[in-house]
């Protein structure tokens, strides 16, 4: 009998010798994938596409893709609606559920199947976690410089206090101005150092609603006298524990609620801020922890009914020193992004023009059960 050659073991095979089939691989993709036929109609979607488009596969199948994500740039729409050419579109605005988001889009033709293409959609613009450069990297040098500035600032403050004691009462106001301005600069430097820090706080299982209630209580106390904003809570009581740093999460929420409050009250009218929680299964991002995709099903949304962010700034709000406030320093949202990333999460924002609402969404990992 002729001997048989046994092939080497496949290093990609699982422990039971079965490799994931194409369907399992597509389902596991962390970006949205849509299969369209020669007429541009949706033939198949993965879980990430259902999540991005905000509806189930059953409601998407048979619909024209350009109608689900339009209105589109006319050039992109023409390329998607007909023909068999490949397509790469970067920083493309699409409409999803009345809101506008920005994505990168690719369309790849399938050889042997005329007109059929695989379309991928990946959201960008708000928190591009795949890119370690940008805002965080830019703050490294200023953070080092800030450390060197604090020493002379302390000397200036001490000199100002000494001068204040020696000046006549009528002139002490000027000396106090020196110390007040030094304190303001010191606070700014502290925030810059926090942004540039590579140290991360420990994460543990915690109840997200406790952090939210603490942040809301803080903001209600700030607004107690003026009463310019109503803060509503819409919680999912069945939400499981989140894996986060409790103090950092509270600080993130205070920043977001404070910004929402300012936006809602900007025109002098009584505003409304809503903090909502839900379990959003299917949210996943890559390269967040140990190079693996991590599910981020815990969703916390802070919404306000203000006029929204200036369209020219919407894609830059998480960058340092970008602010729409006249006296803003542009460090609050970059700090939010850093703290959320430190907790292996994601933060994004969108404008729902139809409802007149601006949403900031946090997606965080679920704490694993002890079992």
Protein backbone atom coordinates (compact mmCIF):
# COMPACT_ATOMS: atom_id res chain seq x y z
CA UNK A 1 0.00 0.00 0.00
CA UNK A 2 1.35 3.39 -0.93
CA UNK A 3 2.12 5.59 1.99
CA UNK A 4 0.14 8.80 2.49
CA UNK A 5 1.76 12.12 3.23
CA UNK A 6 0.11 13.81 6.15
CA UNK A 7 0.07 17.61 5.71
CA UNK A 8 1.64 19.75 8.39
CA UNK A 9 -0.75 21.05 11.01
CA UNK A 10 -2.29 24.38 10.10
CA UNK A 11 -1.17 26.91 12.74
CA UNK A 12 -4.37 28.88 12.12
CA UNK A 13 -6.64 25.95 12.90
CA UNK A 14 -8.49 25.92 16.19
CA UNK A 15 -7.97 23.36 18.91
CA UNK A 16 -10.59 21.01 17.40
CA UNK A 17 -9.07 21.29 13.92
CA UNK A 18 -11.90 23.38 12.42
CA UNK A 19 -11.10 26.70 10.83
CA UNK A 20 -13.68 29.53 10.81
CA UNK A 21 -15.55 29.55 7.50
CA UNK A 22 -16.08 32.66 5.38
CA UNK A 23 -19.41 33.45 7.07
CA UNK A 24 -17.82 33.40 10.53
CA UNK A 25 -14.94 35.58 9.34
CA UNK A 26 -17.33 38.17 7.86
CA UNK A 27 -19.45 38.20 11.02
CA UNK A 28 -16.34 38.83 13.09
CA UNK A 29 -15.18 41.89 11.14
CA UNK A 30 -14.99 45.02 13.29
CA UNK A 31 -15.97 47.32 10.42
CA UNK A 32 -19.23 47.36 8.49
CA UNK A 33 -19.39 45.14 5.41
CA UNK A 34 -22.21 45.20 2.86
CA UNK A 35 -22.57 42.96 -0.20
CA UNK A 36 -24.44 44.68 -3.06
CA UNK A 37 -25.66 43.17 -6.31
CA UNK A 38 -25.38 44.54 -9.85
CA UNK A 39 -28.31 46.91 -9.18
CA UNK A 40 -26.76 48.29 -6.00
CA UNK A 41 -29.19 46.45 -3.72
CA UNK A 42 -28.06 45.04 -0.38
CA UNK A 43 -27.69 41.26 -0.50
CA UNK A 44 -25.87 40.65 2.79
CA UNK A 45 -24.58 42.59 5.80
CA UNK A 46 -22.52 41.73 8.86
CA UNK A 47 -23.26 42.63 12.49
CA UNK A 48 -21.11 45.76 12.38
CA UNK A 49 -23.13 47.05 9.40
CA UNK A 50 -26.39 46.44 11.25
CA UNK A 51 -25.03 48.44 14.16
CA UNK A 52 -23.73 51.34 12.04
CA UNK A 53 -26.91 51.59 9.97
CA UNK A 54 -29.09 51.23 13.05
CA UNK A 55 -31.36 48.46 11.78
CA UNK A 56 -31.51 44.71 11.34
CA UNK A 57 -30.38 42.73 8.32
CA UNK A 58 -33.99 41.77 7.54
CA UNK A 59 -34.88 45.41 6.99
CA UNK A 60 -31.76 46.13 4.93
CA UNK A 61 -31.84 43.25 2.47
CA UNK A 62 -33.18 44.23 -0.93
CA UNK A 63 -32.84 47.98 -0.30
CA UNK A 64 -30.52 50.13 -2.40
CA UNK A 65 -27.41 51.03 -0.41
CA UNK A 66 -27.31 54.62 -1.65
CA UNK A 67 -30.83 55.14 -0.32
CA UNK A 68 -29.89 53.83 3.14
CA UNK A 69 -26.83 56.07 3.56
CA UNK A 70 -27.69 59.06 1.35
CA UNK A 71 -27.65 61.76 0.37
CA UNK A 72 -24.11 61.13 -0.86
CA UNK A 73 -21.56 63.04 -2.85
CA UNK A 74 -22.95 62.75 -6.42
CA UNK A 75 -19.69 61.28 -7.70
CA UNK A 76 -19.71 58.54 -5.07
CA UNK A 77 -23.40 57.83 -5.59
CA UNK A 78 -22.88 57.46 -9.35
CA UNK A 79 -20.00 55.02 -8.82
CA UNK A 80 -21.98 52.94 -6.33
CA UNK A 81 -25.19 52.91 -8.34
CA UNK A 82 -23.72 51.43 -11.50
CA UNK A 83 -20.63 49.98 -13.03
CA UNK A 84 -18.13 47.44 -11.80
CA UNK A 85 -15.16 49.63 -10.87
CA UNK A 86 -13.54 49.63 -7.46
CA UNK A 87 -13.96 52.71 -5.30
CA UNK A 88 -12.13 54.29 -2.36
CA UNK A 89 -13.74 57.34 -0.72
CA UNK A 90 -12.21 58.92 2.37
CA UNK A 91 -13.84 61.29 4.84
CA UNK A 92 -17.25 60.80 3.26
CA UNK A 93 -20.37 62.23 4.92
CA UNK A 94 -23.33 59.82 5.06
CA UNK A 95 -26.76 60.04 6.66
CA UNK A 96 -27.76 57.39 9.19
CA UNK A 97 -31.03 57.67 11.11
CA UNK A 98 -31.24 61.41 10.53
CA UNK A 99 -27.70 61.98 11.81
CA UNK A 100 -24.59 62.68 9.78
CA UNK A 101 -21.43 60.66 10.35
CA UNK A 102 -18.13 60.60 8.47
CA UNK A 103 -16.69 57.37 7.14
CA UNK A 104 -14.08 55.81 4.90
CA UNK A 105 -15.73 53.71 2.17
CA UNK A 106 -14.36 51.08 -0.19
CA UNK A 107 -16.14 49.10 -2.91
CA UNK A 108 -14.39 46.00 -4.25
CA UNK A 109 -15.68 44.17 -7.36
CA UNK A 110 -16.03 40.38 -7.17
CA UNK A 111 -14.34 38.55 -10.01
CA UNK A 112 -16.69 36.19 -11.84
CA UNK A 113 -19.80 37.99 -10.54
CA UNK A 114 -20.37 41.00 -12.83
CA UNK A 115 -21.64 44.07 -11.00
CA UNK A 116 -21.44 42.51 -7.50
CA UNK A 117 -19.26 44.35 -5.00
CA UNK A 118 -18.23 44.21 -1.35
CA UNK A 119 -18.58 47.61 0.34
CA UNK A 120 -16.84 48.41 3.63
CA UNK A 121 -17.68 51.37 5.88
CA UNK A 122 -15.52 52.52 8.79
CA UNK A 123 -16.39 55.55 10.91
CA UNK A 124 -13.75 58.24 11.30
CA UNK A 125 -13.35 61.83 12.37
CA UNK A 126 -14.30 61.73 16.04
CA UNK A 127 -12.04 59.19 17.67
CA UNK A 128 -9.68 57.45 15.29
CA UNK A 129 -8.33 54.89 17.71
CA UNK A 130 -6.19 53.26 15.05
CA UNK A 131 -3.95 56.29 14.93
CA UNK A 132 -1.77 56.82 17.98
CA UNK A 133 -0.42 60.06 16.58
CA UNK A 134 -2.23 63.35 16.38
CA UNK A 135 -3.56 65.11 19.45
CA UNK A 136 -2.09 62.82 22.10
CA UNK A 137 1.35 62.78 20.51
CA UNK A 138 1.27 66.53 19.99
CA UNK A 139 0.80 67.07 23.72
CA UNK A 140 3.90 65.15 24.75
CA UNK A 141 6.33 68.03 24.31
CA UNK A 142 4.02 70.69 25.84
CA UNK A 143 3.52 68.43 28.87
CA UNK A 144 7.29 68.30 29.42
CA UNK A 145 7.55 72.06 28.94
CA UNK A 146 4.68 72.56 31.39
CA UNK A 147 6.65 70.79 34.10
CA UNK A 148 9.52 73.25 33.64
CA UNK A 149 7.19 76.26 33.71
CA UNK A 150 5.63 75.37 37.06
CA UNK A 151 8.80 76.04 39.05
CA UNK A 152 9.16 79.73 38.07
CA UNK A 153 5.41 80.14 38.42
CA UNK A 154 5.67 79.10 42.05
CA UNK A 155 8.38 81.70 42.58
CA UNK A 156 6.26 84.41 40.93
CA UNK A 157 3.29 83.52 43.12
CA UNK A 158 5.38 83.64 46.26
CA UNK A 159 6.78 87.02 45.26
CA UNK A 160 3.27 88.31 44.58
CA UNK A 161 2.07 87.24 48.03
CA UNK A 162 5.11 88.89 49.64
CA UNK A 163 4.53 92.13 47.75
CA UNK A 164 0.84 92.11 48.69
CA UNK A 165 1.69 92.14 52.39
CA UNK A 166 3.98 95.14 51.96
CA UNK A 167 1.74 97.27 49.76
CA UNK A 168 -0.80 99.77 51.05
CA UNK A 169 -4.40 98.45 51.00
CA UNK A 170 -5.29 100.49 47.90
CA UNK A 171 -2.63 98.71 45.82
CA UNK A 172 -3.08 95.15 47.08
CA UNK A 173 -5.70 94.40 44.42
CA UNK A 174 -2.97 94.47 41.75
CA UNK A 175 -0.82 92.02 43.69
CA UNK A 176 -3.78 89.68 44.15
CA UNK A 177 -4.31 89.85 40.39
CA UNK A 178 -0.78 88.50 39.95
CA UNK A 179 -1.39 85.52 42.22
CA UNK A 180 -4.83 84.85 40.69
CA UNK A 181 -3.40 84.81 37.16
CA UNK A 182 -0.53 82.55 38.25
CA UNK A 183 -3.08 80.14 39.76
CA UNK A 184 -5.09 80.17 36.52
CA UNK A 185 -1.99 79.38 34.46
CA UNK A 186 -1.03 76.64 36.91
CA UNK A 187 -4.45 75.00 36.51
CA UNK A 188 -4.09 75.12 32.74
CA UNK A 189 -0.65 73.53 32.99
CA UNK A 190 -2.01 70.80 35.25
CA UNK A 191 -4.53 69.90 32.57
CA UNK A 192 -1.85 69.88 29.89
CA UNK A 193 0.26 67.55 32.01
CA UNK A 194 -2.71 65.27 32.54
CA UNK A 195 -3.30 65.11 28.80
CA UNK A 196 0.34 64.32 28.06
CA UNK A 197 0.66 61.69 30.78
CA UNK A 198 1.16 58.09 29.71
CA UNK A 199 0.10 56.74 33.10
CA UNK A 200 -3.32 55.14 33.28
CA UNK A 201 -5.46 54.52 36.33
CA UNK A 202 -6.61 51.01 37.27
CA UNK A 203 -9.87 49.71 35.83
CA UNK A 204 -12.33 47.56 37.72
CA UNK A 205 -15.95 46.50 37.62
CA UNK A 206 -18.24 49.37 38.61
CA UNK A 207 -21.85 50.44 38.31
CA UNK A 208 -21.99 53.08 35.55
CA UNK A 209 -25.17 54.57 36.99
CA UNK A 210 -23.41 55.44 40.23
CA UNK A 211 -20.80 57.46 38.33
CA UNK A 212 -23.52 59.13 36.26
CA UNK A 213 -25.61 60.07 39.31
CA UNK A 214 -22.54 61.55 41.02
CA UNK A 215 -21.72 63.63 37.94
CA UNK A 216 -25.34 64.76 37.55
CA UNK A 217 -25.51 65.74 41.23
CA UNK A 218 -22.39 67.86 40.80
CA UNK A 219 -23.83 69.68 37.78
CA UNK A 220 -27.22 70.17 39.44
CA UNK A 221 -25.48 71.78 42.38
CA UNK A 222 -23.64 74.13 40.01
CA UNK A 223 -26.90 75.02 38.26
CA UNK A 224 -29.01 75.20 41.43
CA UNK A 225 -29.22 78.99 41.60
CA UNK A 226 -29.68 79.71 37.90
CA UNK A 227 -31.89 76.76 37.01
CA UNK A 228 -31.13 77.19 33.33
CA UNK A 229 -31.05 73.51 32.41
CA UNK A 230 -33.04 70.37 33.12
CA UNK A 231 -30.95 67.21 33.41
CA UNK A 232 -32.87 64.03 32.65
CA UNK A 233 -31.83 60.46 33.37
CA UNK A 234 -32.95 57.60 31.12
CA UNK A 235 -31.28 54.47 32.44
CA UNK A 236 -31.43 50.83 31.43
CA UNK A 237 -31.87 49.19 34.86
CA UNK A 238 -30.57 45.85 33.57
CA UNK A 239 -27.24 47.29 32.45
CA UNK A 240 -24.34 45.08 33.65
CA UNK A 241 -21.23 46.46 35.39
CA UNK A 242 -18.76 48.36 33.24
CA UNK A 243 -14.99 47.85 33.26
CA UNK A 244 -13.71 51.35 33.99
CA UNK A 245 -11.87 53.63 36.35
CA UNK A 246 -14.64 54.99 38.57
CA UNK A 247 -13.08 58.42 39.20
CA UNK A 248 -12.06 58.88 35.56
CA UNK A 249 -15.54 57.93 34.34
CA UNK A 250 -17.10 60.48 36.68
CA UNK A 251 -14.72 63.17 35.45
CA UNK A 252 -15.54 62.32 31.82
CA UNK A 253 -19.26 62.61 32.54
CA UNK A 254 -18.88 65.92 34.38
CA UNK A 255 -17.01 67.34 31.39
CA UNK A 256 -19.61 66.10 28.90
CA UNK A 257 -22.61 67.20 30.96
CA UNK A 258 -21.01 70.60 31.59
CA UNK A 259 -20.42 71.09 27.86
CA UNK A 260 -23.96 69.95 27.08
CA UNK A 261 -25.34 72.36 29.68
CA UNK A 262 -23.39 75.29 28.19
CA UNK A 263 -24.54 74.38 24.67
CA UNK A 264 -28.19 74.05 25.69
CA UNK A 265 -28.19 77.41 27.48
CA UNK A 266 -26.15 79.34 24.96
CA UNK A 267 -29.10 81.24 23.50
CA UNK A 268 -30.58 82.13 26.89
CA UNK A 269 -33.42 79.61 26.67
CA UNK A 270 -33.98 76.87 29.24
CA UNK A 271 -32.11 73.85 27.93
CA UNK A 272 -32.44 70.12 28.36
CA UNK A 273 -29.61 67.63 28.87
CA UNK A 274 -30.36 63.90 28.79
CA UNK A 275 -28.06 61.15 30.03
CA UNK A 276 -29.07 57.77 28.65
CA UNK A 277 -27.64 54.28 29.07
CA UNK A 278 -28.23 51.11 27.07
CA UNK A 279 -26.63 47.80 26.18
CA UNK A 280 -25.46 48.12 22.56
CA UNK A 281 -24.37 44.66 21.50
CA UNK A 282 -22.16 44.46 18.44
CA UNK A 283 -19.97 47.51 19.16
CA UNK A 284 -16.34 46.46 18.69
CA UNK A 285 -13.06 48.20 17.90
CA UNK A 286 -9.63 46.83 17.12
CA UNK A 287 -6.21 47.50 18.61
CA UNK A 288 -7.61 48.59 21.92
CA UNK A 289 -6.35 45.91 24.27
CA UNK A 290 -3.44 43.61 23.51
CA UNK A 291 -4.00 44.11 19.79
CA UNK A 292 -7.40 42.40 19.88
CA UNK A 293 -10.87 43.61 19.04
CA UNK A 294 -12.73 44.39 22.23
CA UNK A 295 -16.51 44.44 22.51
CA UNK A 296 -17.81 47.77 23.86
CA UNK A 297 -21.48 47.13 24.61
CA UNK A 298 -21.97 49.62 27.46
CA UNK A 299 -23.26 52.83 25.88
CA UNK A 300 -23.65 56.12 27.76
CA UNK A 301 -25.05 59.03 25.74
CA UNK A 302 -25.10 62.68 26.81
CA UNK A 303 -27.49 64.69 24.63
CA UNK A 304 -28.43 68.37 24.55
CA UNK A 305 -30.96 70.42 22.60
CA UNK A 306 -28.59 73.27 21.82
CA UNK A 307 -27.76 74.66 18.41
CA UNK A 308 -24.97 72.13 17.87
CA UNK A 309 -21.27 72.41 17.18
CA UNK A 310 -20.07 74.71 14.43
CA UNK A 311 -19.82 72.46 11.33
CA UNK A 312 -16.27 73.73 10.75
CA UNK A 313 -15.23 72.34 14.15
CA UNK A 314 -17.20 69.07 14.27
CA UNK A 315 -14.34 66.91 13.01
CA UNK A 316 -11.82 68.56 15.35
CA UNK A 317 -13.57 68.82 18.73
CA UNK A 318 -11.37 66.13 20.31
CA UNK A 319 -8.20 67.91 19.23
CA UNK A 320 -6.31 70.07 21.77
CA UNK A 321 -6.96 73.83 21.84
CA UNK A 322 -10.09 73.62 19.66
CA UNK A 323 -13.11 75.28 21.28
CA UNK A 324 -16.31 77.01 20.22
CA UNK A 325 -16.55 78.86 23.55
CA UNK A 326 -15.28 82.46 23.62
CA UNK A 327 -13.23 81.76 26.74
CA UNK A 328 -12.68 78.05 26.15
CA UNK A 329 -9.21 76.50 26.36
CA UNK A 330 -9.99 73.50 24.18
CA UNK A 331 -8.66 70.93 26.66
CA UNK A 332 -11.87 69.44 28.08
CA UNK A 333 -12.80 67.09 25.22
CA UNK A 334 -9.20 66.01 24.50
CA UNK A 335 -9.01 65.03 28.16
CA UNK A 336 -12.29 63.13 27.81
CA UNK A 337 -10.86 61.24 24.83
CA UNK A 338 -7.67 60.37 26.70
CA UNK A 339 -9.47 59.13 29.80
CA UNK A 340 -11.89 57.04 27.73
CA UNK A 341 -9.03 55.53 25.73
CA UNK A 342 -7.22 54.72 28.96
CA UNK A 343 -10.31 52.68 29.90
CA UNK A 344 -10.10 50.89 26.50
CA UNK A 345 -13.26 52.63 25.33
CA UNK A 346 -14.40 54.89 22.52
CA UNK A 347 -16.02 58.35 22.44
CA UNK A 348 -17.77 59.93 19.46
CA UNK A 349 -20.32 62.61 18.71
CA UNK A 350 -23.02 63.20 16.14
CA UNK A 351 -25.62 65.82 15.30
CA UNK A 352 -29.24 64.74 14.80
CA UNK A 353 -30.52 67.71 12.82
CA UNK A 354 -34.02 66.27 12.55
CA UNK A 355 -34.46 66.05 16.32
CA UNK A 356 -32.34 69.13 17.03
CA UNK A 357 -30.02 67.18 19.34
CA UNK A 358 -26.28 66.75 19.74
CA UNK A 359 -25.16 63.36 21.10
CA UNK A 360 -21.84 62.46 22.72
CA UNK A 361 -21.58 58.68 23.07
CA UNK A 362 -19.28 56.64 25.27
CA UNK A 363 -18.79 52.95 24.50
CA UNK A 364 -17.02 50.97 27.21
CA UNK A 365 -16.25 47.32 27.84
CA UNK A 366 -18.42 45.17 30.05
CA UNK A 367 -16.84 43.79 33.21
CA UNK A 368 -16.49 40.03 33.06
CA UNK A 369 -18.50 38.04 35.57
CA UNK A 370 -16.50 36.37 38.33
CA UNK A 371 -17.67 33.00 37.14
